[in-house]
Protein backbone atom coordinates (compact mmCIF):
# COMPACT_ATOMS: atom_id res chain seq x y z
CA MET A 1 64.18 117.11 94.81
CA SER A 2 64.49 119.07 97.77
CA PRO A 3 67.94 120.59 98.84
CA LEU A 4 67.64 119.23 102.57
CA LEU A 5 67.05 115.66 101.10
CA MET A 6 69.61 116.05 98.52
CA THR A 7 72.29 116.89 101.18
CA LEU A 8 71.10 114.23 103.71
CA VAL A 9 71.67 111.77 100.85
CA SER A 10 75.19 112.78 99.72
CA SER A 11 76.05 112.67 103.43
CA ILE A 12 74.64 109.31 103.96
CA VAL A 13 76.99 108.22 101.12
CA MET A 14 80.10 110.11 103.06
CA LEU A 15 79.90 108.38 106.22
CA MET A 16 81.70 105.21 105.38
CA PHE A 17 84.46 107.33 103.70
CA MET A 18 84.78 109.86 106.73
CA ALA A 19 85.30 107.16 109.45
CA PHE A 20 88.72 107.19 108.55
CA PRO A 21 89.77 110.78 108.95
CA ALA A 22 87.60 110.95 112.11
CA MET A 23 89.87 108.16 113.94
CA LYS A 24 92.74 110.16 112.63
CA ILE A 25 91.90 112.87 114.04
CA ILE A 26 90.49 111.58 117.44
CA GLU A 27 93.84 109.68 117.44
CA TRP A 28 96.00 112.81 117.19
CA ILE A 29 93.61 114.82 119.85
CA ALA A 30 94.16 111.67 122.21
CA SER A 31 97.91 112.09 121.52
CA LYS A 32 97.53 115.61 122.93
CA LYS A 33 94.87 114.81 125.92
CA GLU A 34 94.41 111.82 127.79
CA LEU A 35 90.82 110.53 126.71
CA SER A 36 89.50 107.03 127.66
CA GLN A 37 88.38 104.69 125.05
CA GLU A 38 84.44 105.14 125.55
CA VAL A 39 84.96 108.97 124.92
CA GLN A 40 87.13 108.09 121.85
CA ASN A 41 84.51 105.85 120.42
CA ILE A 42 82.02 108.51 120.96
CA LEU A 43 84.26 111.50 119.47
CA ILE A 44 84.89 109.33 116.72
CA VAL A 45 81.07 108.73 115.90
CA ILE A 46 79.80 112.27 116.14
CA LEU A 47 82.98 113.51 114.12
CA THR A 48 82.27 110.93 111.46
CA ILE A 49 78.73 112.40 110.91
CA ILE A 50 79.95 116.05 111.43
CA LEU A 51 82.22 115.52 108.59
CA SER A 52 79.94 113.54 106.30
CA LEU A 53 77.39 116.48 106.57
CA MET A 54 79.86 118.99 105.88
CA VAL A 55 80.89 117.25 102.64
CA GLY A 56 76.93 116.82 101.89
CA ILE A 57 76.33 120.68 102.24
CA TYR A 58 79.71 121.02 100.10
CA LEU A 59 78.36 118.80 97.31
CA ASN A 60 74.87 120.20 97.49
CA TYR A 61 76.13 123.59 97.29
CA GLU A 62 78.31 122.86 94.34
CA ARG A 63 75.30 121.66 92.62
CA LEU A 64 73.13 124.55 93.39
CA ALA A 65 76.12 127.35 92.31
């Protein structure tokens, strides 16, 4: 299969598991800087996607190496 497809499949699986770390990171940022609830929600979604893509890329890289 294509490495891009395998990366995306791995990332989709990790979406659920990366929500908690994203919430904790945004909670920490919110303690340092005032953020509205709407901005926090948007940042949580974006950070969850970024974290899951990073894990998917790492898993795919480990498979290729």
